[in-house]
Each structure stands twice: as C-alpha cells, then as structure tokens.
Amino acid sequence: MSRRPNLFIVGAMKSGSSTLHAYLGEHPDIFMSEPKEPCYFVDRQQIESPAREVVEGWGFWRGEEHYLALFDGAGDARIVGESSTNYSKAPKMSGVPERIVRFDDEAKIVYIMRDPVERTISHYWHAVGQRKERRDLVTALEQEPHYREVSRYAFQLRPYLRLFGADRVRTLTFEELIADPLEVLRRLFEWLEVDPGFEPPTTDRRENVTPAELERVRGDGKLDELRESPAWNRLGPLVPGAVRRWGRRLAAERVDRSAEDLERAGEILRPAQLDETEELSELLGRAFPEWATLYVGET
C-alpha cells in the first residue's frame, strides 16, 4: 500500500526550499520525494510551459495513484513529504491550500521565507535562466506583478493558517537556516516529532544556487524559440559550430547579475515590501531583523 505524504514544504520560491528538502531527506525518520517538486495540487493549466510539459511527463496528474507512487520507498518513515514552491504562488496559482486540506487535513505545512527584496530579484533571475524573461530587471519588476506577489508572505500564508491551524504550520527564514542550520533543524525535527538530535552530515550545502552570469533571451524571443524547436534539434548537429555559436549570440546575451540596476530595483520593491513585512510580523508575532536588504536606507 502506498504511503501518503503528511508534510508539505510549500515555498517560498528561491528561499532555500531545495536546501531544506535535502536536509530533511537525510533524517532516518523522514522520507522526501524525488523529484522535489511534483506540483500535484496545482491546476496544471496555471503552470506555464515548459514547466507544464515537464510535470505532465512525470504523470502525476493522471491520478492520485501515480502521485502516491512517489512515496513507495518511504517504508516506515514517520514523516513523508514533498516540496513544491508552486503551492504558494497565489493568485497566479489558486486553490492549492484547499486541495491539500481535502487530501489530508492533519498534514503539516512548512513555509520558508527570505528577505523579500532578495527573493523577488532572485525570482526574476530564475525566470531569465528558464528563458521565460527577456526584459531587464527594472522593467520586469515594474511590469510583472507576479514577482512581487510571491514575496507577499502574509498573503500566501493566511489560507494555510486558516485551513490547518497555527500548530500545523511552521515558518522559518532562509537567513536563519544558513546562519545556524543545526539549531533550526533541531527545532524543526522536534516539531515533526522525530529525533531532534540527528545532525545531517553536510550542513554547509546550498542547493539550486543562481549562477553569477546567465543568458537572457534577446528581442521578441522568436530566434530563441527556433533554436529550441524540434526542427532545429534535428538539423542543428549538421550546422557548422561557428554558425551555431553566432546564432546563439544573436538569440541571447550573457548578463552579469551584479551589473543590473540593483539600487533602482530595491527602490521599486521596498515601499510595499516594508508594509507587507509589518503585516507578516503582526500575523506571526515576530520581527525579521535578518532581512537587512529590506531595511536599507531606513532609520
């Protein structure tokens, strides 16, 4: 009989969920899914291509049986979990908390957060790396609300708190995890009711780190779409290497993340994010002094 997950790391994207997933999976009483992000509880039409094609290829949307097969190797693990950051991307991806609570209203929810300025900018660079974002950083932040919506932590958390109750929802920050992973994990293991004395063998790991340089698609992206097409996959190997490199330079440019206008990006993000962090502090009854980038210029 397949095991059913009773732990969900729901986000936030680019806040260390991959690192946390890896740490938890090393505990002998915890089984974490592979792949990490099945996204089973997301309406598949709300996931953009090519991610939709990837997840559809895993087959989980064919039904619960296929999803539960992810956890066949859980054995006698007390905690069986998965981590899908698409579970906290409202309003773009809606209805997820309601689907999870119908699946298991006694599940435990973990939500890891990060300095919202840094997280929002990192989200942008992730989209660039996925070849889904062609605009420069400042223009994208001004024009695309989704980057900022994912950093509205109180907004994302409220449905989980309402549906599962505060005792079943655990929050932590990326900065806390990096600064003192053993203590953060000890408290988390204690909450999960597994051996809190277990120490993962490697607590200096960082998963899914964004590289310093990426390729950003140029123009309207049509040339890049051609380069990624099935026809090019068939014909590309027949084209001389110099021509392929020339086409790649035309389709995308190398960009250094540090060369973007980070000061202006911060000016765009901070006013609303300061208010949202105050809202989050009231919701959770704690402050977030570790989010230093958020408070630049504040007195």
C-alpha atoms as a PDB file:
ATOM      1  CA  MET A   1       0.000   0.000   0.000  1.00  0.00           C
ATOM      2  CA  SER A   2       1.376   3.420  -0.956  1.00  0.00           C
ATOM      3  CA  ARG A   3       2.294   5.873   1.762  1.00  0.00           C
ATOM      4  CA  ARG A   4       0.584   9.258   1.793  1.00  0.00           C
ATOM      5  CA  PRO A   5       2.581  12.455   2.317  1.00  0.00           C
ATOM      6  CA  ASN A   6       1.922  14.217   5.616  1.00  0.00           C
ATOM      7  CA  LEU A   7       4.418  17.056   5.196  1.00  0.00           C
ATOM      8  CA  PHE A   8       4.385  19.797   2.567  1.00  0.00           C
ATOM      9  CA  ILE A   9       7.083  22.430   2.113  1.00  0.00           C
ATOM     10  CA  VAL A  10       5.036  24.973   0.185  1.00  0.00           C
ATOM     11  CA  GLY A  11       7.636  27.663  -0.566  1.00  0.00           C
ATOM     12  CA  ALA A  12       8.573  30.354  -0.911  1.00  0.00           C
ATOM     13  CA  MET A  13      10.359  30.009  -4.229  1.00  0.00           C
ATOM     14  CA  LYS A  14      14.071  30.961  -4.166  1.00  0.00           C
ATOM     15  CA  SER A  15      14.104  30.914  -0.363  1.00  0.00           C
ATOM     16  CA  GLY A  16      16.056  27.739   0.317  1.00  0.00           C
ATOM     17  CA  SER A  17      13.346  25.113  -0.076  1.00  0.00           C
ATOM     18  CA  SER A  18      15.684  22.856  -2.091  1.00  0.00           C
ATOM     19  CA  THR A  19      18.322  23.016   0.625  1.00  0.00           C
ATOM     20  CA  LEU A  20      15.732  22.352   3.342  1.00  0.00           C
ATOM     21  CA  HIS A  21      14.266  19.463   1.346  1.00  0.00           C
ATOM     22  CA  ALA A  22      17.725  17.889   1.117  1.00  0.00           C
ATOM     23  CA  TYR A  23      18.416  18.321   4.849  1.00  0.00           C
ATOM     24  CA  LEU A  24      15.102  16.762   5.857  1.00  0.00           C
ATOM     25  CA  GLY A  25      15.579  13.848   3.475  1.00  0.00           C
ATOM     26  CA  GLU A  26      18.769  12.843   5.309  1.00  0.00           C
ATOM     27  CA  HIS A  27      16.886  12.172   8.566  1.00  0.00           C
ATOM     28  CA  PRO A  28      16.265   8.424   9.020  1.00  0.00           C
ATOM     29  CA  ASP A  29      12.648   9.034  10.062  1.00  0.00           C
ATOM     30  CA  ILE A  30      11.834  11.360   7.155  1.00  0.00           C
ATOM     31  CA  PHE A  31      11.253  10.460   3.501  1.00  0.00           C
ATOM     32  CA  MET A  32      11.244  13.319   0.979  1.00  0.00           C
ATOM     33  CA  SER A  33      10.096  12.832  -2.603  1.00  0.00           C
ATOM     34  CA  GLU A  34      12.242  12.703  -5.695  1.00  0.00           C
ATOM     35  CA  PRO A  35      11.639  14.708  -7.806  1.00  0.00           C
ATOM     36  CA  LYS A  36      11.358  17.501  -5.279  1.00  0.00           C
ATOM     37  CA  GLU A  37       8.514  19.467  -6.883  1.00  0.00           C
ATOM     38  CA  PRO A  38       5.665  17.264  -8.107  1.00  0.00           C
ATOM     39  CA  CYS A  39       3.209  20.214  -8.056  1.00  0.00           C
ATOM     40  CA  TYR A  40       0.355  17.705  -7.845  1.00  0.00           C
ATOM     41  CA  PHE A  41      -2.039  20.098  -6.110  1.00  0.00           C
ATOM     42  CA  VAL A  42      -1.666  22.874  -8.710  1.00  0.00           C
ATOM     43  CA  ASP A  43      -4.130  23.275 -11.547  1.00  0.00           C
ATOM     44  CA  ARG A  44      -1.896  22.223 -14.438  1.00  0.00           C
ATOM     45  CA  GLN A  45      -3.335  24.939 -16.681  1.00  0.00           C
ATOM     46  CA  GLN A  46      -1.920  27.521 -14.275  1.00  0.00           C
ATOM     47  CA  ILE A  47       1.670  26.310 -14.771  1.00  0.00           C
ATOM     48  CA  GLU A  48       3.490  27.906 -17.673  1.00  0.00           C
ATOM     49  CA  SER A  49       5.240  25.948 -20.382  1.00  0.00           C
ATOM     50  CA  PRO A  50       7.798  24.392 -20.468  1.00  0.00           C
ATOM     51  CA  ALA A  51       7.344  23.529 -16.775  1.00  0.00           C
ATOM     52  CA  ARG A  52       3.875  22.143 -17.522  1.00  0.00           C
ATOM     53  CA  GLU A  53       5.286  19.704 -20.063  1.00  0.00           C
ATOM     54  CA  VAL A  54       7.924  18.557 -17.567  1.00  0.00           C
ATOM     55  CA  VAL A  55       5.420  17.883 -14.811  1.00  0.00           C
ATOM     56  CA  GLU A  56       2.929  16.280 -17.181  1.00  0.00           C
ATOM     57  CA  GLY A  57       5.755  13.996 -18.268  1.00  0.00           C
ATOM     58  CA  TRP A  58       6.076  12.771 -14.679  1.00  0.00           C
ATOM     59  CA  GLY A  59       2.478  11.549 -14.951  1.00  0.00           C
ATOM     60  CA  PHE A  60       1.239  12.683 -11.539  1.00  0.00           C
ATOM     61  CA  TRP A  61      -1.842  14.404 -12.972  1.00  0.00           C
ATOM     62  CA  ARG A  62      -3.131  11.098 -14.284  1.00  0.00           C
ATOM     63  CA  GLY A  63      -4.474  10.484 -10.789  1.00  0.00           C
ATOM     64  CA  GLU A  64      -3.719  10.030  -7.141  1.00  0.00           C
ATOM     65  CA  GLU A  65      -2.259   6.560  -7.700  1.00  0.00           C
ATOM     66  CA  HIS A  66       0.538   7.991  -9.834  1.00  0.00           C
ATOM     67  CA  TYR A  67       1.217  10.733  -7.298  1.00  0.00           C
ATOM     68  CA  LEU A  68       1.345   8.320  -4.362  1.00  0.00           C
ATOM     69  CA  ALA A  69       3.809   6.128  -6.243  1.00  0.00           C
ATOM     70  CA  LEU A  70       6.347   8.872  -5.478  1.00  0.00           C
ATOM     71  CA  PHE A  71       6.333   7.704  -1.876  1.00  0.00           C
ATOM     72  CA  ASP A  72       6.590   3.933  -2.401  1.00  0.00           C
ATOM     73  CA  GLY A  73      10.084   3.993  -0.952  1.00  0.00           C
ATOM     74  CA  ALA A  74       9.044   5.642   2.312  1.00  0.00           C
ATOM     75  CA  GLY A  75       8.992   2.395   4.266  1.00  0.00           C
ATOM     76  CA  ASP A  76       8.337   3.034   7.964  1.00  0.00           C
ATOM     77  CA  ALA A  77       9.337   6.728   7.884  1.00  0.00           C
ATOM     78  CA  ARG A  78       7.273   8.738  10.339  1.00  0.00           C
ATOM     79  CA  ILE A  79       7.273  11.797   8.072  1.00  0.00           C
ATOM     80  CA  VAL A  80       6.625  11.537   4.340  1.00  0.00           C
ATOM     81  CA  GLY A  81       6.982  14.787   2.456  1.00  0.00           C
ATOM     82  CA  GLU A  82       7.322  16.745  -0.730  1.00  0.00           C
ATOM     83  CA  SER A  83       8.290  20.333  -1.564  1.00  0.00           C
ATOM     84  CA  SER A  84       6.534  22.327  -4.290  1.00  0.00           C
ATOM     85  CA  THR A  85       7.062  26.075  -4.335  1.00  0.00           C
ATOM     86  CA  ASN A  86       4.146  26.457  -6.748  1.00  0.00           C
ATOM     87  CA  TYR A  87       1.955  25.827  -3.701  1.00  0.00           C
ATOM     88  CA  SER A  88       2.492  29.434  -2.538  1.00  0.00           C
ATOM     89  CA  LYS A  89       2.144  31.483  -5.705  1.00  0.00           C
ATOM     90  CA  ALA A  90      -1.338  32.926  -5.331  1.00  0.00           C
ATOM     91  CA  PRO A  91      -3.167  34.462  -7.077  1.00  0.00           C
ATOM     92  CA  LYS A  92      -1.450  33.116 -10.201  1.00  0.00           C
ATOM     93  CA  MET A  93      -1.793  29.569  -8.888  1.00  0.00           C
ATOM     94  CA  SER A  94      -5.015  29.380  -6.929  1.00  0.00           C
ATOM     95  CA  GLY A  95      -6.855  26.828  -4.806  1.00  0.00           C
ATOM     96  CA  VAL A  96      -3.798  24.896  -3.645  1.00  0.00           C
ATOM     97  CA  PRO A  97      -4.302  25.068   0.156  1.00  0.00           C
ATOM     98  CA  GLU A  98      -7.888  23.913  -0.300  1.00  0.00           C
ATOM     99  CA  ARG A  99      -6.785  20.904  -2.356  1.00  0.00           C
ATOM    100  CA  ILE A 100      -4.133  19.919   0.159  1.00  0.00           C
ATOM    101  CA  VAL A 101      -6.508  20.146   3.128  1.00  0.00           C
ATOM    102  CA  ARG A 102      -9.032  17.936   1.310  1.00  0.00           C
ATOM    103  CA  PHE A 103      -6.238  15.427   0.752  1.00  0.00           C
ATOM    104  CA  ASP A 104      -5.081  15.482   4.411  1.00  0.00           C
ATOM    105  CA  ASP A 105      -6.431  17.972   6.916  1.00  0.00           C
ATOM    106  CA  GLU A 106      -3.861  16.811   9.503  1.00  0.00           C
ATOM    107  CA  ALA A 107      -0.818  17.401   7.311  1.00  0.00           C
ATOM    108  CA  LYS A 108       1.990  19.679   8.459  1.00  0.00           C
ATOM    109  CA  ILE A 109       2.989  22.695   6.406  1.00  0.00           C
ATOM    110  CA  VAL A 110       6.430  24.333   6.277  1.00  0.00           C
ATOM    111  CA  TYR A 111       6.903  27.777   4.730  1.00  0.00           C
ATOM    112  CA  ILE A 112      10.431  29.126   4.381  1.00  0.00           C
ATOM    113  CA  MET A 113      10.868  32.822   3.573  1.00  0.00           C
ATOM    114  CA  ARG A 114      13.731  35.096   2.549  1.00  0.00           C
ATOM    115  CA  ASP A 115      14.500  38.808   2.540  1.00  0.00           C
ATOM    116  CA  PRO A 116      11.723  39.806   0.114  1.00  0.00           C
ATOM    117  CA  VAL A 117      13.910  42.179  -1.899  1.00  0.00           C
ATOM    118  CA  GLU A 118      16.491  39.445  -2.476  1.00  0.00           C
ATOM    119  CA  ARG A 119      13.856  36.780  -3.099  1.00  0.00           C
ATOM    120  CA  THR A 120      11.993  38.867  -5.672  1.00  0.00           C
ATOM    121  CA  ILE A 121      15.167  39.675  -7.590  1.00  0.00           C
ATOM    122  CA  SER A 122      16.271  36.034  -7.447  1.00  0.00           C
ATOM    123  CA  HIS A 123      12.854  35.022  -8.812  1.00  0.00           C
ATOM    124  CA  TYR A 124      13.445  37.311 -11.785  1.00  0.00           C
ATOM    125  CA  TRP A 125      16.842  35.720 -12.464  1.00  0.00           C
ATOM    126  CA  HIS A 126      15.311  32.260 -12.239  1.00  0.00           C
ATOM    127  CA  ALA A 127      12.868  33.245 -14.982  1.00  0.00           C
ATOM    128  CA  VAL A 128      15.761  34.571 -17.064  1.00  0.00           C
ATOM    129  CA  GLY A 129      17.610  31.280 -16.610  1.00  0.00           C
ATOM    130  CA  GLN A 130      14.484  29.405 -17.702  1.00  0.00           C
ATOM    131  CA  ARG A 131      14.411  31.608 -20.829  1.00  0.00           C
ATOM    132  CA  LYS A 132      10.970  32.929 -19.875  1.00  0.00           C
ATOM    133  CA  GLU A 133      12.051  36.531 -19.166  1.00  0.00           C
ATOM    134  CA  ARG A 134      13.548  38.874 -21.776  1.00  0.00           C
ATOM    135  CA  ARG A 135      13.134  42.229 -20.054  1.00  0.00           C
ATOM    136  CA  ASP A 136      15.837  43.890 -17.978  1.00  0.00           C
ATOM    137  CA  LEU A 137      15.468  43.640 -14.202  1.00  0.00           C
ATOM    138  CA  VAL A 138      13.955  47.073 -13.542  1.00  0.00           C
ATOM    139  CA  THR A 139      11.458  46.870 -16.403  1.00  0.00           C
ATOM    140  CA  ALA A 140      10.350  43.391 -15.369  1.00  0.00           C
ATOM    141  CA  LEU A 141       9.811  44.404 -11.743  1.00  0.00           C
ATOM    142  CA  GLU A 142       7.780  47.416 -12.853  1.00  0.00           C
ATOM    143  CA  GLN A 143       5.630  45.482 -15.316  1.00  0.00           C
ATOM    144  CA  GLU A 144       5.200  41.964 -13.864  1.00  0.00           C
ATOM    145  CA  PRO A 145       3.310  41.822 -10.536  1.00  0.00           C
ATOM    146  CA  HIS A 146       3.847  38.070 -10.089  1.00  0.00           C
ATOM    147  CA  TYR A 147       7.459  38.537  -8.950  1.00  0.00           C
ATOM    148  CA  ARG A 148       6.287  40.732  -6.079  1.00  0.00           C
ATOM    149  CA  GLU A 149       3.162  38.707  -5.292  1.00  0.00           C
ATOM    150  CA  VAL A 150       5.201  35.633  -4.370  1.00  0.00           C
ATOM    151  CA  SER A 151       7.008  37.783  -1.768  1.00  0.00           C
ATOM    152  CA  ARG A 152       3.705  38.747  -0.106  1.00  0.00           C
ATOM    153  CA  TYR A 153       4.325  36.220   2.638  1.00  0.00           C
ATOM    154  CA  ALA A 154       1.359  37.052   4.873  1.00  0.00           C
ATOM    155  CA  PHE A 155      -0.965  36.843   1.873  1.00  0.00           C
ATOM    156  CA  GLN A 156       0.433  33.429   0.906  1.00  0.00           C
ATOM    157  CA  LEU A 157       0.360  32.115   4.498  1.00  0.00           C
ATOM    158  CA  ARG A 158      -3.137  33.094   5.586  1.00  0.00           C
ATOM    159  CA  PRO A 159      -5.018  30.322   3.732  1.00  0.00           C
ATOM    160  CA  TYR A 160      -2.748  27.665   5.267  1.00  0.00           C
ATOM    161  CA  LEU A 161      -3.143  29.094   8.760  1.00  0.00           C
ATOM    162  CA  ARG A 162      -6.908  29.286   8.333  1.00  0.00           C
ATOM    163  CA  LEU A 163      -7.276  25.755   6.976  1.00  0.00           C
ATOM    164  CA  PHE A 164      -4.651  23.866   9.021  1.00  0.00           C
ATOM    165  CA  GLY A 165      -4.315  25.954  12.184  1.00  0.00           C
ATOM    166  CA  ALA A 166      -1.200  27.626  13.551  1.00  0.00           C
ATOM    167  CA  ASP A 167       0.030  24.472  15.293  1.00  0.00           C
ATOM    168  CA  ARG A 168       0.336  22.649  11.946  1.00  0.00           C
ATOM    169  CA  VAL A 169       2.083  25.463  10.061  1.00  0.00           C
ATOM    170  CA  ARG A 170       5.784  26.130  10.676  1.00  0.00           C
ATOM    171  CA  THR A 171       7.582  29.201   9.354  1.00  0.00           C
ATOM    172  CA  LEU A 172      11.299  29.894   9.170  1.00  0.00           C
ATOM    173  CA  THR A 173      13.659  32.037   7.163  1.00  0.00           C
ATOM    174  CA  PHE A 174      16.424  31.216   4.739  1.00  0.00           C
ATOM    175  CA  GLU A 175      18.740  33.507   6.694  1.00  0.00           C
ATOM    176  CA  GLU A 176      18.121  31.576   9.927  1.00  0.00           C
ATOM    177  CA  LEU A 177      18.751  28.267   8.175  1.00  0.00           C
ATOM    178  CA  ILE A 178      22.067  29.409   6.708  1.00  0.00           C
ATOM    179  CA  ALA A 179      23.261  31.111   9.914  1.00  0.00           C
ATOM    180  CA  ASP A 180      22.586  28.169  12.253  1.00  0.00           C
ATOM    181  CA  PRO A 181      21.347  25.111  10.350  1.00  0.00           C
ATOM    182  CA  LEU A 182      21.748  22.647  13.219  1.00  0.00           C
ATOM    183  CA  GLU A 183      19.641  24.675  15.641  1.00  0.00           C
ATOM    184  CA  VAL A 184      16.956  25.425  13.046  1.00  0.00           C
ATOM    185  CA  LEU A 185      16.793  21.751  12.084  1.00  0.00           C
ATOM    186  CA  ARG A 186      16.728  20.643  15.715  1.00  0.00           C
ATOM    187  CA  ARG A 187      13.631  22.766  16.347  1.00  0.00           C
ATOM    188  CA  LEU A 188      12.047  21.574  13.118  1.00  0.00           C
ATOM    189  CA  PHE A 189      12.728  17.906  13.892  1.00  0.00           C
ATOM    190  CA  GLU A 190      11.242  18.407  17.351  1.00  0.00           C
ATOM    191  CA  TRP A 191       8.089  19.896  15.815  1.00  0.00           C
ATOM    192  CA  LEU A 192       7.887  16.972  13.393  1.00  0.00           C
ATOM    193  CA  GLU A 193       8.232  14.566  16.347  1.00  0.00           C
ATOM    194  CA  VAL A 194      11.333  12.826  15.025  1.00  0.00           C
ATOM    195  CA  ASP A 195      14.735  12.513  16.704  1.00  0.00           C
ATOM    196  CA  PRO A 196      15.804  16.156  17.257  1.00  0.00           C
ATOM    197  CA  GLY A 197      19.394  15.107  17.931  1.00  0.00           C
ATOM    198  CA  PHE A 198      20.035  13.958  14.376  1.00  0.00           C
ATOM    199  CA  GLU A 199      22.624  16.065  12.531  1.00  0.00           C
ATOM    200  CA  PRO A 200      22.720  15.928   8.728  1.00  0.00           C
ATOM    201  CA  PRO A 201      26.240  15.034   7.601  1.00  0.00           C
ATOM    202  CA  THR A 202      26.595  18.154   5.457  1.00  0.00           C
ATOM    203  CA  THR A 203      25.071  21.379   6.745  1.00  0.00           C
ATOM    204  CA  ASP A 204      27.058  23.756   4.542  1.00  0.00           C
ATOM    205  CA  ARG A 205      25.254  22.739   1.365  1.00  0.00           C
ATOM    206  CA  ARG A 206      23.362  25.182  -0.841  1.00  0.00           C
ATOM    207  CA  GLU A 207      21.048  23.713  -3.438  1.00  0.00           C
ATOM    208  CA  ASN A 208      19.768  25.405  -6.605  1.00  0.00           C
ATOM    209  CA  VAL A 209      22.060  28.460  -6.361  1.00  0.00           C
ATOM    210  CA  THR A 210      21.675  31.018  -9.173  1.00  0.00           C
ATOM    211  CA  PRO A 211      24.934  31.483 -11.109  1.00  0.00           C
ATOM    212  CA  ALA A 212      26.612  34.903 -11.307  1.00  0.00           C
ATOM    213  CA  GLU A 213      26.084  35.045 -15.079  1.00  0.00           C
ATOM    214  CA  LEU A 214      23.170  33.851 -17.185  1.00  0.00           C
ATOM    215  CA  GLU A 215      21.926  34.064 -20.739  1.00  0.00           C
ATOM    216  CA  ARG A 216      18.986  36.385 -21.318  1.00  0.00           C
ATOM    217  CA  VAL A 217      16.904  35.967 -24.467  1.00  0.00           C
ATOM    218  CA  ARG A 218      17.080  38.920 -26.847  1.00  0.00           C
ATOM    219  CA  GLY A 219      14.287  40.762 -28.638  1.00  0.00           C
ATOM    220  CA  ASP A 220      10.935  39.030 -29.076  1.00  0.00           C
ATOM    221  CA  GLY A 221      12.414  35.581 -28.449  1.00  0.00           C
ATOM    222  CA  LYS A 222      11.472  34.208 -31.886  1.00  0.00           C
ATOM    223  CA  LEU A 223      15.046  33.254 -32.738  1.00  0.00           C
ATOM    224  CA  ASP A 224      15.425  31.506 -29.393  1.00  0.00           C
ATOM    225  CA  GLU A 225      12.170  29.617 -29.988  1.00  0.00           C
ATOM    226  CA  LEU A 226      13.593  28.469 -33.328  1.00  0.00           C
ATOM    227  CA  ARG A 227      16.778  27.262 -31.625  1.00  0.00           C
ATOM    228  CA  GLU A 228      14.687  25.236 -29.157  1.00  0.00           C
ATOM    229  CA  SER A 229      12.356  23.778 -31.792  1.00  0.00           C
ATOM    230  CA  PRO A 230      12.238  20.056 -32.782  1.00  0.00           C
ATOM    231  CA  ALA A 231      13.332  21.031 -36.306  1.00  0.00           C
ATOM    232  CA  TRP A 232      16.491  22.679 -35.006  1.00  0.00           C
ATOM    233  CA  ASN A 233      17.185  19.710 -32.747  1.00  0.00           C
ATOM    234  CA  ARG A 234      17.245  17.576 -35.886  1.00  0.00           C
ATOM    235  CA  LEU A 235      19.186  19.973 -38.104  1.00  0.00           C
ATOM    236  CA  GLY A 236      21.420  21.687 -35.557  1.00  0.00           C
ATOM    237  CA  PRO A 237      24.117  18.985 -35.479  1.00  0.00           C
ATOM    238  CA  LEU A 238      24.546  19.436 -39.248  1.00  0.00           C
ATOM    239  CA  VAL A 239      25.264  23.173 -38.916  1.00  0.00           C
ATOM    240  CA  PRO A 240      28.916  24.249 -38.505  1.00  0.00           C
ATOM    241  CA  GLY A 241      29.869  25.096 -34.933  1.00  0.00           C
ATOM    242  CA  ALA A 242      30.797  28.701 -35.758  1.00  0.00           C
ATOM    243  CA  VAL A 243      27.335  29.287 -37.229  1.00  0.00           C
ATOM    244  CA  ARG A 244      25.652  27.735 -34.178  1.00  0.00           C
ATOM    245  CA  ARG A 245      27.664  29.974 -31.831  1.00  0.00           C
ATOM    246  CA  TRP A 246      26.775  33.018 -33.937  1.00  0.00           C
ATOM    247  CA  GLY A 247      23.093  32.078 -33.753  1.00  0.00           C
ATOM    248  CA  ARG A 248      23.317  31.631 -30.004  1.00  0.00           C
ATOM    249  CA  ARG A 249      24.812  35.113 -29.598  1.00  0.00           C
ATOM    250  CA  LEU A 250      22.006  36.554 -31.713  1.00  0.00           C
ATOM    251  CA  ALA A 251      19.332  34.718 -29.707  1.00  0.00           C
ATOM    252  CA  ALA A 252      20.616  35.508 -26.215  1.00  0.00           C
ATOM    253  CA  GLU A 253      23.127  37.719 -24.430  1.00  0.00           C
ATOM    254  CA  ARG A 254      25.337  36.917 -21.461  1.00  0.00           C
ATOM    255  CA  VAL A 255      24.408  39.093 -18.495  1.00  0.00           C
ATOM    256  CA  ASP A 256      26.215  39.647 -15.203  1.00  0.00           C
ATOM    257  CA  ARG A 257      23.661  39.795 -12.397  1.00  0.00           C
ATOM    258  CA  SER A 258      25.724  42.323 -10.451  1.00  0.00           C
ATOM    259  CA  ALA A 259      25.710  44.742 -13.403  1.00  0.00           C
ATOM    260  CA  GLU A 260      21.939  45.285 -13.246  1.00  0.00           C
ATOM    261  CA  ASP A 261      20.496  48.353 -11.513  1.00  0.00           C
ATOM    262  CA  LEU A 262      20.033  46.769  -8.085  1.00  0.00           C
ATOM    263  CA  GLU A 263      19.652  50.129  -6.365  1.00  0.00           C
ATOM    264  CA  ARG A 264      16.690  51.052  -8.531  1.00  0.00           C
ATOM    265  CA  ALA A 265      15.249  47.550  -8.114  1.00  0.00           C
ATOM    266  CA  GLY A 266      15.360  47.992  -4.344  1.00  0.00           C
ATOM    267  CA  GLU A 267      13.673  51.387  -4.602  1.00  0.00           C
ATOM    268  CA  ILE A 268      10.839  49.810  -6.589  1.00  0.00           C
ATOM    269  CA  LEU A 269      10.343  46.922  -4.169  1.00  0.00           C
ATOM    270  CA  ARG A 270      10.922  48.297  -0.670  1.00  0.00           C
ATOM    271  CA  PRO A 271       7.905  50.575  -0.050  1.00  0.00           C
ATOM    272  CA  ALA A 272       5.305  47.838  -0.485  1.00  0.00           C
ATOM    273  CA  GLN A 273       7.506  45.108   0.965  1.00  0.00           C
ATOM    274  CA  LEU A 274       8.132  47.065   4.152  1.00  0.00           C
ATOM    275  CA  ASP A 275       4.364  47.300   4.668  1.00  0.00           C
ATOM    276  CA  GLU A 276       3.948  43.614   3.830  1.00  0.00           C
ATOM    277  CA  THR A 277       6.670  42.619   6.293  1.00  0.00           C
ATOM    278  CA  GLU A 278       4.957  44.630   9.010  1.00  0.00           C
ATOM    279  CA  GLU A 279       1.757  42.734   8.173  1.00  0.00           C
ATOM    280  CA  LEU A 280       3.689  39.455   8.376  1.00  0.00           C
ATOM    281  CA  SER A 281       5.172  40.425  11.755  1.00  0.00           C
ATOM    282  CA  GLU A 282       1.703  41.091  13.136  1.00  0.00           C
ATOM    283  CA  LEU A 283       0.449  37.781  11.748  1.00  0.00           C
ATOM    284  CA  LEU A 284       3.289  35.700  13.220  1.00  0.00           C
ATOM    285  CA  GLY A 285       4.180  37.758  16.278  1.00  0.00           C
ATOM    286  CA  ARG A 286       7.861  38.146  15.388  1.00  0.00           C
ATOM    287  CA  ALA A 287      10.213  40.591  13.672  1.00  0.00           C
ATOM    288  CA  PHE A 288      12.604  39.897  10.798  1.00  0.00           C
ATOM    289  CA  PRO A 289      15.826  41.813  11.517  1.00  0.00           C
ATOM    290  CA  GLU A 290      17.774  39.321   9.382  1.00  0.00           C
ATOM    291  CA  TRP A 291      16.246  40.863   6.249  1.00  0.00           C
ATOM    292  CA  ALA A 292      18.903  43.543   6.039  1.00  0.00           C
ATOM    293  CA  THR A 293      18.395  44.410   2.350  1.00  0.00           C
ATOM    294  CA  LEU A 294      14.781  45.284   3.055  1.00  0.00           C
ATOM    295  CA  TYR A 295      15.802  47.962   5.570  1.00  0.00           C
ATOM    296  CA  VAL A 296      18.483  49.733   3.507  1.00  0.00           C
ATOM    297  CA  GLY A 297      18.037  53.475   3.955  1.00  0.00           C
ATOM    298  CA  GLU A 298      15.568  53.044   6.822  1.00  0.00           C
ATOM    299  CA  THR A 299      16.194  54.939  10.076  1.00  0.00           C
END
